[in-house]
């Protein structure tokens, strides 16, 4: 985080992370707008929690807040369908083409 605390990873790991991402630290602060979507994502991605996702969606983004709800669902869909996320979730899947 740039403070005086010790790094969370070894120098070798940090160097590899920086080479891959361009950032010297693996920690990434989420945009506040994505905080609630991130919580919802936890329920969507967990098989055991997935049945609770609709209730979490309703509690976090009430149906009457259509604009916020649509925006959140669009961001959630984008995250879940991102190629890097799909590759982690389904490593055995072969790319189409």
PDB file of N, CA and C in Angstrom:
ATOM      1  N   UNK A   1       0.825  -1.198   0.000  1.00  0.00           N
ATOM      2  CA  UNK A   1       0.000   0.000   0.000  1.00  0.00           C
ATOM      3  C   UNK A   1       0.863   1.254   0.000  1.00  0.00           C
ATOM      4  N   UNK A   2       2.171   1.095   0.046  1.00  0.00           N
ATOM      5  CA  UNK A   2       3.052   2.256  -0.027  1.00  0.00           C
ATOM      6  C   UNK A   2       3.429   2.834   1.316  1.00  0.00           C
ATOM      7  N   UNK A   3       2.946   2.235   2.386  1.00  0.00           N
ATOM      8  CA  UNK A   3       3.281   2.726   3.719  1.00  0.00           C
ATOM      9  C   UNK A   3       4.547   2.076   4.225  1.00  0.00           C
ATOM     10  N   UNK A   4       4.724   2.119   5.535  1.00  0.00           N
ATOM     11  CA  UNK A   4       5.935   1.569   6.135  1.00  0.00           C
ATOM     12  C   UNK A   4       5.800   0.103   6.501  1.00  0.00           C
ATOM     13  N   UNK A   5       4.598  -0.479   6.271  1.00  0.00           N
ATOM     14  CA  UNK A   5       4.410  -1.889   6.604  1.00  0.00           C
ATOM     15  C   UNK A   5       5.237  -2.761   5.664  1.00  0.00           C
ATOM     16  N   UNK A   6       5.514  -3.970   6.134  1.00  0.00           N
ATOM     17  CA  UNK A   6       6.286  -4.914   5.309  1.00  0.00           C
ATOM     18  C   UNK A   6       5.436  -5.357   4.120  1.00  0.00           C
ATOM     19  N   UNK A   7       6.084  -5.653   2.989  1.00  0.00           N
ATOM     20  CA  UNK A   7       5.333  -6.136   1.831  1.00  0.00           C
ATOM     21  C   UNK A   7       4.595  -7.434   2.166  1.00  0.00           C
ATOM     22  N   UNK A   8       3.482  -7.642   1.485  1.00  0.00           N
ATOM     23  CA  UNK A   8       2.674  -8.839   1.741  1.00  0.00           C
ATOM     24  C   UNK A   8       3.200 -10.063   0.999  1.00  0.00           C
ATOM     25  N   UNK A   9       4.135  -9.864   0.083  1.00  0.00           N
ATOM     26  CA  UNK A   9       4.693 -10.955  -0.710  1.00  0.00           C
ATOM     27  C   UNK A   9       6.215 -10.792  -0.776  1.00  0.00           C
ATOM     28  N   UNK A  10       6.882 -11.861  -1.192  1.00  0.00           N
ATOM     29  CA  UNK A  10       8.338 -11.791  -1.339  1.00  0.00           C
ATOM     30  C   UNK A  10       8.678 -10.878  -2.522  1.00  0.00           C
ATOM     31  N   UNK A  11       9.935 -10.434  -2.576  1.00  0.00           N
ATOM     32  CA  UNK A  11      10.373  -9.553  -3.663  1.00  0.00           C
ATOM     33  C   UNK A  11      10.201 -10.214  -5.025  1.00  0.00           C
ATOM     34  N   UNK A  12      10.471 -11.518  -5.096  1.00  0.00           N
ATOM     35  CA  UNK A  12      10.329 -12.238  -6.362  1.00  0.00           C
ATOM     36  C   UNK A  12       8.879 -12.268  -6.838  1.00  0.00           C
ATOM     37  N   UNK A  13       7.968 -12.534  -5.914  1.00  0.00           N
ATOM     38  CA  UNK A  13       6.540 -12.559  -6.261  1.00  0.00           C
ATOM     39  C   UNK A  13       6.085 -11.165  -6.669  1.00  0.00           C
ATOM     40  N   UNK A  14       6.505 -10.154  -5.922  1.00  0.00           N
ATOM     41  CA  UNK A  14       6.119  -8.774  -6.249  1.00  0.00           C
ATOM     42  C   UNK A  14       6.657  -8.358  -7.612  1.00  0.00           C
ATOM     43  N   UNK A  15       7.884  -8.776  -7.934  1.00  0.00           N
ATOM     44  CA  UNK A  15       8.464  -8.445  -9.247  1.00  0.00           C
ATOM     45  C   UNK A  15       7.658  -9.107 -10.363  1.00  0.00           C
ATOM     46  N   UNK A  16       7.253 -10.351 -10.152  1.00  0.00           N
ATOM     47  CA  UNK A  16       6.449 -11.054 -11.165  1.00  0.00           C
ATOM     48  C   UNK A  16       5.093 -10.383 -11.340  1.00  0.00           C
ATOM     49  N   UNK A  17       4.486  -9.967 -10.242  1.00  0.00           N
ATOM     50  CA  UNK A  17       3.190  -9.279 -10.301  1.00  0.00           C
ATOM     51  C   UNK A  17       3.331  -7.959 -11.053  1.00  0.00           C
ATOM     52  N   UNK A  18       4.390  -7.226 -10.742  1.00  0.00           N
ATOM     53  CA  UNK A  18       4.591  -5.941 -11.418  1.00  0.00           C
ATOM     54  C   UNK A  18       4.849  -6.145 -12.905  1.00  0.00           C
ATOM     55  N   UNK A  19       5.596  -7.173 -13.254  1.00  0.00           N
ATOM     56  CA  UNK A  19       5.861  -7.438 -14.672  1.00  0.00           C
ATOM     57  C   UNK A  19       4.565  -7.777 -15.412  1.00  0.00           C
ATOM     58  N   UNK A  20       3.697  -8.549 -14.755  1.00  0.00           N
ATOM     59  CA  UNK A  20       2.449  -8.976 -15.394  1.00  0.00           C
ATOM     60  C   UNK A  20       1.392  -7.866 -15.434  1.00  0.00           C
ATOM     61  N   UNK A  21       1.277  -7.104 -14.341  1.00  0.00           N
ATOM     62  CA  UNK A  21       0.181  -6.132 -14.231  1.00  0.00           C
ATOM     63  C   UNK A  21       0.598  -4.679 -14.396  1.00  0.00           C
ATOM     64  N   UNK A  22       1.892  -4.415 -14.222  1.00  0.00           N
ATOM     65  CA  UNK A  22       2.344  -3.027 -14.261  1.00  0.00           C
ATOM     66  C   UNK A  22       2.171  -2.328 -12.915  1.00  0.00           C
ATOM     67  N   UNK A  23       1.658  -3.056 -11.926  1.00  0.00           N
ATOM     68  CA  UNK A  23       1.478  -2.510 -10.572  1.00  0.00           C
ATOM     69  C   UNK A  23       2.451  -3.210  -9.630  1.00  0.00           C
ATOM     70  N   UNK A  24       3.074  -2.476  -8.708  1.00  0.00           N
ATOM     71  CA  UNK A  24       4.039  -3.097  -7.807  1.00  0.00           C
ATOM     72  C   UNK A  24       3.398  -3.878  -6.659  1.00  0.00           C
ATOM     73  N   UNK A  25       2.079  -3.824  -6.532  1.00  0.00           N
ATOM     74  CA  UNK A  25       1.393  -4.485  -5.426  1.00  0.00           C
ATOM     75  C   UNK A  25       0.194  -5.254  -5.974  1.00  0.00           C
ATOM     76  N   UNK A  26      -0.039  -6.468  -5.464  1.00  0.00           N
ATOM     77  CA  UNK A  26      -1.175  -7.245  -5.971  1.00  0.00           C
ATOM     78  C   UNK A  26      -2.528  -6.700  -5.519  1.00  0.00           C
ATOM     79  N   UNK A  27      -2.527  -5.893  -4.476  1.00  0.00           N
ATOM     80  CA  UNK A  27      -3.789  -5.363  -3.948  1.00  0.00           C
ATOM     81  C   UNK A  27      -4.354  -4.320  -4.914  1.00  0.00           C
ATOM     82  N   UNK A  28      -5.651  -4.432  -5.154  1.00  0.00           N
ATOM     83  CA  UNK A  28      -6.337  -3.484  -6.021  1.00  0.00           C
ATOM     84  C   UNK A  28      -7.553  -2.966  -5.267  1.00  0.00           C
ATOM     85  N   UNK A  29      -7.666  -1.666  -5.175  1.00  0.00           N
ATOM     86  CA  UNK A  29      -8.833  -1.070  -4.536  1.00  0.00           C
ATOM     87  C   UNK A  29      -9.952  -0.984  -5.557  1.00  0.00           C
ATOM     88  N   UNK A  30     -11.118  -1.511  -5.207  1.00  0.00           N
ATOM     89  CA  UNK A  30     -12.264  -1.448  -6.100  1.00  0.00           C
ATOM     90  C   UNK A  30     -12.879  -0.060  -6.077  1.00  0.00           C
ATOM     91  N   UNK A  31     -13.400   0.351  -7.191  1.00  0.00           N
ATOM     92  CA  UNK A  31     -14.189   1.561  -7.269  1.00  0.00           C
ATOM     93  C   UNK A  31     -15.380   1.368  -6.337  1.00  0.00           C
ATOM     94  N   UNK A  32     -15.720   2.373  -5.542  1.00  0.00           N
ATOM     95  CA  UNK A  32     -16.836   2.254  -4.603  1.00  0.00           C
ATOM     96  C   UNK A  32     -18.118   1.806  -5.295  1.00  0.00           C
ATOM     97  N   UNK A  33     -18.285   2.189  -6.545  1.00  0.00           N
ATOM     98  CA  UNK A  33     -19.482   1.811  -7.292  1.00  0.00           C
ATOM     99  C   UNK A  33     -19.585   0.297  -7.447  1.00  0.00           C
ATOM    100  N   UNK A  34     -18.471  -0.394  -7.369  1.00  0.00           N
ATOM    101  CA  UNK A  34     -18.464  -1.842  -7.551  1.00  0.00           C
ATOM    102  C   UNK A  34     -18.467  -2.628  -6.241  1.00  0.00           C
ATOM    103  N   UNK A  35     -18.497  -1.949  -5.103  1.00  0.00           N
ATOM    104  CA  UNK A  35     -18.445  -2.649  -3.818  1.00  0.00           C
ATOM    105  C   UNK A  35     -19.639  -3.586  -3.646  1.00  0.00           C
ATOM    106  N   UNK A  36     -20.839  -3.100  -3.905  1.00  0.00           N
ATOM    107  CA  UNK A  36     -22.025  -3.948  -3.751  1.00  0.00           C
ATOM    108  C   UNK A  36     -22.055  -5.056  -4.794  1.00  0.00           C
ATOM    109  N   UNK A  37     -21.600  -4.761  -6.000  1.00  0.00           N
ATOM    110  CA  UNK A  37     -21.547  -5.786  -7.046  1.00  0.00           C
ATOM    111  C   UNK A  37     -20.546  -6.864  -6.647  1.00  0.00           C
ATOM    112  N   UNK A  38     -19.462  -6.480  -6.032  1.00  0.00           N
ATOM    113  CA  UNK A  38     -18.466  -7.441  -5.580  1.00  0.00           C
ATOM    114  C   UNK A  38     -19.070  -8.384  -4.542  1.00  0.00           C
ATOM    115  N   UNK A  39     -19.867  -7.847  -3.619  1.00  0.00           N
ATOM    116  CA  UNK A  39     -20.531  -8.696  -2.620  1.00  0.00           C
ATOM    117  C   UNK A  39     -21.481  -9.676  -3.303  1.00  0.00           C
ATOM    118  N   UNK A  40     -22.229  -9.182  -4.264  1.00  0.00           N
ATOM    119  CA  UNK A  40     -23.169 -10.031  -4.991  1.00  0.00           C
ATOM    120  C   UNK A  40     -22.416 -11.109  -5.773  1.00  0.00           C
ATOM    121  N   UNK A  41     -21.283 -10.752  -6.335  1.00  0.00           N
ATOM    122  CA  UNK A  41     -20.466 -11.696  -7.100  1.00  0.00           C
ATOM    123  C   UNK A  41     -20.077 -12.899  -6.242  1.00  0.00           C
ATOM    124  N   UNK A  42     -19.810 -12.672  -4.964  1.00  0.00           N
ATOM    125  CA  UNK A  42     -19.476 -13.762  -4.046  1.00  0.00           C
ATOM    126  C   UNK A  42     -20.583 -14.805  -4.027  1.00  0.00           C
ATOM    127  N   UNK A  43     -21.832 -14.350  -4.024  1.00  0.00           N
ATOM    128  CA  UNK A  43     -22.965 -15.274  -3.986  1.00  0.00           C
ATOM    129  C   UNK A  43     -23.194 -15.953  -5.333  1.00  0.00           C
ATOM    130  N   UNK A  44     -22.927 -15.243  -6.403  1.00  0.00           N
ATOM    131  CA  UNK A  44     -23.119 -15.808  -7.739  1.00  0.00           C
ATOM    132  C   UNK A  44     -22.085 -16.894  -8.024  1.00  0.00           C
ATOM    133  N   UNK A  45     -20.851 -16.688  -7.599  1.00  0.00           N
ATOM    134  CA  UNK A  45     -19.778 -17.623  -7.922  1.00  0.00           C
ATOM    135  C   UNK A  45     -19.717 -18.833  -6.994  1.00  0.00           C
ATOM    136  N   UNK A  46     -20.282 -18.726  -5.805  1.00  0.00           N
ATOM    137  CA  UNK A  46     -20.235 -19.835  -4.857  1.00  0.00           C
ATOM    138  C   UNK A  46     -21.432 -20.756  -5.067  1.00  0.00           C
ATOM    139  N   UNK A  47     -21.130 -22.019  -5.363  1.00  0.00           N
ATOM    140  CA  UNK A  47     -22.217 -22.972  -5.596  1.00  0.00           C
ATOM    141  C   UNK A  47     -23.147 -23.078  -4.393  1.00  0.00           C
ATOM    142  N   UNK A  48     -22.570 -23.082  -3.192  1.00  0.00           N
ATOM    143  CA  UNK A  48     -23.394 -23.240  -1.998  1.00  0.00           C
ATOM    144  C   UNK A  48     -24.183 -21.977  -1.654  1.00  0.00           C
ATOM    145  N   UNK A  49     -23.681 -20.817  -2.033  1.00  0.00           N
ATOM    146  CA  UNK A  49     -24.376 -19.556  -1.738  1.00  0.00           C
ATOM    147  C   UNK A  49     -25.283 -19.087  -2.872  1.00  0.00           C
ATOM    148  N   UNK A  50     -25.103 -19.659  -4.055  1.00  0.00           N
ATOM    149  CA  UNK A  50     -25.839 -19.205  -5.244  1.00  0.00           C
ATOM    150  C   UNK A  50     -27.355 -19.111  -5.045  1.00  0.00           C
ATOM    151  N   UNK A  51     -27.991 -20.053  -4.331  1.00  0.00           N
ATOM    152  CA  UNK A  51     -29.442 -19.923  -4.143  1.00  0.00           C
ATOM    153  C   UNK A  51     -29.850 -18.640  -3.403  1.00  0.00           C
ATOM    154  N   UNK A  52     -28.922 -18.048  -2.667  1.00  0.00           N
ATOM    155  CA  UNK A  52     -29.217 -16.815  -1.933  1.00  0.00           C
ATOM    156  C   UNK A  52     -29.009 -15.560  -2.780  1.00  0.00           C
ATOM    157  N   UNK A  53     -28.409 -15.702  -3.963  1.00  0.00           N
ATOM    158  CA  UNK A  53     -28.091 -14.537  -4.799  1.00  0.00           C
ATOM    159  C   UNK A  53     -29.312 -13.664  -5.100  1.00  0.00           C
ATOM    160  N   UNK A  54     -30.487 -14.218  -5.443  1.00  0.00           N
ATOM    161  CA  UNK A  54     -31.642 -13.346  -5.695  1.00  0.00           C
ATOM    162  C   UNK A  54     -32.029 -12.512  -4.474  1.00  0.00           C
ATOM    163  N   UNK A  55     -31.949 -13.097  -3.280  1.00  0.00           N
ATOM    164  CA  UNK A  55     -32.286 -12.348  -2.067  1.00  0.00           C
ATOM    165  C   UNK A  55     -31.262 -11.249  -1.814  1.00  0.00           C
ATOM    166  N   UNK A  56     -29.992 -11.552  -2.071  1.00  0.00           N
ATOM    167  CA  UNK A  56     -28.940 -10.541  -1.899  1.00  0.00           C
ATOM    168  C   UNK A  56     -29.134  -9.421  -2.914  1.00  0.00           C
ATOM    169  N   UNK A  57     -29.470  -9.775  -4.150  1.00  0.00           N
ATOM    170  CA  UNK A  57     -29.742  -8.775  -5.175  1.00  0.00           C
ATOM    171  C   UNK A  57     -30.890  -7.869  -4.738  1.00  0.00           C
ATOM    172  N   UNK A  58     -31.985  -8.460  -4.256  1.00  0.00           N
ATOM    173  CA  UNK A  58     -33.133  -7.659  -3.820  1.00  0.00           C
ATOM    174  C   UNK A  58     -32.803  -6.772  -2.620  1.00  0.00           C
ATOM    175  N   UNK A  59     -32.007  -7.302  -1.694  1.00  0.00           N
ATOM    176  CA  UNK A  59     -31.647  -6.520  -0.505  1.00  0.00           C
ATOM    177  C   UNK A  59     -30.696  -5.375  -0.840  1.00  0.00           C
ATOM    178  N   UNK A  60     -29.810  -5.624  -1.785  1.00  0.00           N
ATOM    179  CA  UNK A  60     -28.801  -4.622  -2.138  1.00  0.00           C
ATOM    180  C   UNK A  60     -29.305  -3.631  -3.177  1.00  0.00           C
ATOM    181  N   UNK A  61     -30.049  -4.150  -4.154  1.00  0.00           N
ATOM    182  CA  UNK A  61     -30.575  -3.325  -5.248  1.00  0.00           C
ATOM    183  C   UNK A  61     -32.067  -3.611  -5.382  1.00  0.00           C
ATOM    184  N   UNK A  62     -32.900  -2.944  -4.581  1.00  0.00           N
ATOM    185  CA  UNK A  62     -34.337  -3.203  -4.617  1.00  0.00           C
ATOM    186  C   UNK A  62     -34.895  -3.057  -6.036  1.00  0.00           C
ATOM    187  N   UNK A  63     -35.898  -3.892  -6.375  1.00  0.00           N
ATOM    188  CA  UNK A  63     -36.485  -3.813  -7.714  1.00  0.00           C
ATOM    189  C   UNK A  63     -36.943  -2.408  -8.108  1.00  0.00           C
ATOM    190  N   UNK A  64     -37.337  -1.608  -7.140  1.00  0.00           N
ATOM    191  CA  UNK A  64     -37.814  -0.252  -7.469  1.00  0.00           C
ATOM    192  C   UNK A  64     -36.668   0.668  -7.922  1.00  0.00           C
ATOM    193  N   UNK A  65     -35.422   0.283  -7.606  1.00  0.00           N
ATOM    194  CA  UNK A  65     -34.256   1.064  -8.036  1.00  0.00           C
ATOM    195  C   UNK A  65     -33.768   0.488  -9.359  1.00  0.00           C
ATOM    196  N   UNK A  66     -34.604   0.569 -10.376  1.00  0.00           N
ATOM    197  CA  UNK A  66     -34.329  -0.109 -11.653  1.00  0.00           C
ATOM    198  C   UNK A  66     -33.000   0.285 -12.288  1.00  0.00           C
ATOM    199  N   UNK A  67     -32.697   1.579 -12.304  1.00  0.00           N
ATOM    200  CA  UNK A  67     -31.458   2.029 -12.941  1.00  0.00           C
ATOM    201  C   UNK A  67     -30.226   1.456 -12.259  1.00  0.00           C
ATOM    202  N   UNK A  68     -30.199   1.529 -10.928  1.00  0.00           N
ATOM    203  CA  UNK A  68     -29.052   1.010 -10.172  1.00  0.00           C
ATOM    204  C   UNK A  68     -28.965  -0.500 -10.309  1.00  0.00           C
ATOM    205  N   UNK A  69     -30.107  -1.143 -10.300  1.00  0.00           N
ATOM    206  CA  UNK A  69     -30.157  -2.600 -10.421  1.00  0.00           C
ATOM    207  C   UNK A  69     -29.642  -3.044 -11.793  1.00  0.00           C
ATOM    208  N   UNK A  70     -30.112  -2.386 -12.846  1.00  0.00           N
ATOM    209  CA  UNK A  70     -29.656  -2.720 -14.205  1.00  0.00           C
ATOM    210  C   UNK A  70     -28.162  -2.505 -14.359  1.00  0.00           C
ATOM    211  N   UNK A  71     -27.686  -1.403 -13.836  1.00  0.00           N
ATOM    212  CA  UNK A  71     -26.263  -1.090 -13.927  1.00  0.00           C
ATOM    213  C   UNK A  71     -25.442  -2.143 -13.178  1.00  0.00           C
ATOM    214  N   UNK A  72     -25.906  -2.528 -11.996  1.00  0.00           N
ATOM    215  CA  UNK A  72     -25.190  -3.525 -11.197  1.00  0.00           C
ATOM    216  C   UNK A  72     -25.173  -4.873 -11.914  1.00  0.00           C
ATOM    217  N   UNK A  73     -26.306  -5.273 -12.475  1.00  0.00           N
ATOM    218  CA  UNK A  73     -26.365  -6.553 -13.178  1.00  0.00           C
ATOM    219  C   UNK A  73     -25.490  -6.551 -14.425  1.00  0.00           C
ATOM    220  N   UNK A  74     -25.416  -5.418 -15.104  1.00  0.00           N
ATOM    221  CA  UNK A  74     -24.554  -5.302 -16.284  1.00  0.00           C
ATOM    222  C   UNK A  74     -23.083  -5.445 -15.879  1.00  0.00           C
ATOM    223  N   UNK A  75     -22.674  -4.765 -14.780  1.00  0.00           N
ATOM    224  CA  UNK A  75     -21.289  -4.869 -14.309  1.00  0.00           C
ATOM    225  C   UNK A  75     -20.985  -6.287 -13.832  1.00  0.00           C
ATOM    226  N   UNK A  76     -21.955  -6.920 -13.158  1.00  0.00           N
ATOM    227  CA  UNK A  76     -21.789  -8.289 -12.697  1.00  0.00           C
ATOM    228  C   UNK A  76     -21.604  -9.240 -13.876  1.00  0.00           C
ATOM    229  N   UNK A  77     -22.430  -9.092 -14.886  1.00  0.00           N
ATOM    230  CA  UNK A  77     -22.340  -9.938 -16.078  1.00  0.00           C
ATOM    231  C   UNK A  77     -21.000  -9.748 -16.787  1.00  0.00           C
ATOM    232  N   UNK A  78     -20.563  -8.517 -16.887  1.00  0.00           N
ATOM    233  CA  UNK A  78     -19.277  -8.225 -17.530  1.00  0.00           C
ATOM    234  C   UNK A  78     -18.141  -8.907 -16.775  1.00  0.00           C
ATOM    235  N   UNK A  79     -18.185  -8.834 -15.444  1.00  0.00           N
ATOM    236  CA  UNK A  79     -17.123  -9.445 -14.636  1.00  0.00           C
ATOM    237  C   UNK A  79     -17.133 -10.962 -14.760  1.00  0.00           C
ATOM    238  N   UNK A  80     -18.303 -11.575 -14.630  1.00  0.00           N
ATOM    239  CA  UNK A  80     -18.403 -13.035 -14.666  1.00  0.00           C
ATOM    240  C   UNK A  80     -18.023 -13.595 -16.032  1.00  0.00           C
ATOM    241  N   UNK A  81     -18.297 -12.840 -17.088  1.00  0.00           N
ATOM    242  CA  UNK A  81     -18.019 -13.320 -18.441  1.00  0.00           C
ATOM    243  C   UNK A  81     -16.682 -12.863 -19.006  1.00  0.00           C
ATOM    244  N   UNK A  82     -15.891 -12.150 -18.221  1.00  0.00           N
ATOM    245  CA  UNK A  82     -14.584 -11.706 -18.678  1.00  0.00           C
ATOM    246  C   UNK A  82     -13.717 -12.941 -18.957  1.00  0.00           C
ATOM    247  N   UNK A  83     -13.001 -12.942 -20.073  1.00  0.00           N
ATOM    248  CA  UNK A  83     -12.197 -14.129 -20.430  1.00  0.00           C
ATOM    249  C   UNK A  83     -11.247 -14.607 -19.333  1.00  0.00           C
ATOM    250  N   UNK A  84     -10.647 -13.694 -18.596  1.00  0.00           N
ATOM    251  CA  UNK A  84      -9.720 -14.109 -17.536  1.00  0.00           C
ATOM    252  C   UNK A  84     -10.462 -14.791 -16.392  1.00  0.00           C
ATOM    253  N   UNK A  85     -11.663 -14.322 -16.085  1.00  0.00           N
ATOM    254  CA  UNK A  85     -12.466 -14.939 -15.025  1.00  0.00           C
ATOM    255  C   UNK A  85     -12.948 -16.311 -15.489  1.00  0.00           C
ATOM    256  N   UNK A  86     -13.430 -16.381 -16.713  1.00  0.00           N
ATOM    257  CA  UNK A  86     -13.895 -17.659 -17.269  1.00  0.00           C
ATOM    258  C   UNK A  86     -12.754 -18.682 -17.257  1.00  0.00           C
ATOM    259  N   UNK A  87     -11.556 -18.254 -17.601  1.00  0.00           N
ATOM    260  CA  UNK A  87     -10.407 -19.167 -17.623  1.00  0.00           C
ATOM    261  C   UNK A  87     -10.101 -19.713 -16.232  1.00  0.00           C
ATOM    262  N   UNK A  88     -10.294 -18.901 -15.214  1.00  0.00           N
ATOM    263  CA  UNK A  88     -10.055 -19.363 -13.844  1.00  0.00           C
ATOM    264  C   UNK A  88     -11.187 -20.288 -13.394  1.00  0.00           C
ATOM    265  N   UNK A  89     -12.427 -19.914 -13.695  1.00  0.00           N
ATOM    266  CA  UNK A  89     -13.574 -20.708 -13.262  1.00  0.00           C
ATOM    267  C   UNK A  89     -13.684 -22.033 -14.001  1.00  0.00           C
ATOM    268  N   UNK A  90     -13.329 -22.029 -15.275  1.00  0.00           N
ATOM    269  CA  UNK A  90     -13.487 -23.217 -16.115  1.00  0.00           C
ATOM    270  C   UNK A  90     -12.187 -23.518 -16.858  1.00  0.00           C
ATOM    271  N   UNK A  91     -11.133 -23.901 -16.139  1.00  0.00           N
ATOM    272  CA  UNK A  91      -9.834 -24.097 -16.782  1.00  0.00           C
ATOM    273  C   UNK A  91      -9.849 -25.233 -17.815  1.00  0.00           C
ATOM    274  N   UNK A  92     -10.783 -26.158 -17.683  1.00  0.00           N
ATOM    275  CA  UNK A  92     -10.825 -27.286 -18.614  1.00  0.00           C
ATOM    276  C   UNK A  92     -11.517 -26.936 -19.924  1.00  0.00           C
ATOM    277  N   UNK A  93     -12.234 -25.812 -19.974  1.00  0.00           N
ATOM    278  CA  UNK A  93     -12.956 -25.432 -21.184  1.00  0.00           C
ATOM    279  C   UNK A  93     -11.983 -25.043 -22.276  1.00  0.00           C
ATOM    280  N   UNK A  94     -12.271 -25.457 -23.463  1.00  0.00           N
ATOM    281  CA  UNK A  94     -11.453 -25.104 -24.628  1.00  0.00           C
ATOM    282  C   UNK A  94     -12.079 -23.907 -25.310  1.00  0.00           C
ATOM    283  N   UNK A  95     -11.281 -22.932 -25.734  1.00  0.00           N
ATOM    284  CA  UNK A  95     -11.824 -21.778 -26.440  1.00  0.00           C
ATOM    285  C   UNK A  95     -12.480 -22.205 -27.757  1.00  0.00           C
ATOM    286  N   UNK A  96     -13.554 -21.529 -28.105  1.00  0.00           N
ATOM    287  CA  UNK A  96     -14.242 -21.806 -29.368  1.00  0.00           C
ATOM    288  C   UNK A  96     -13.470 -21.147 -30.505  1.00  0.00           C
ATOM    289  N   UNK A  97     -13.545 -21.718 -31.661  1.00  0.00           N
ATOM    290  CA  UNK A  97     -12.896 -21.069 -32.789  1.00  0.00           C
ATOM    291  C   UNK A  97     -12.231 -22.013 -33.629  1.00  0.00           C
TER     292      UNK A  97
END
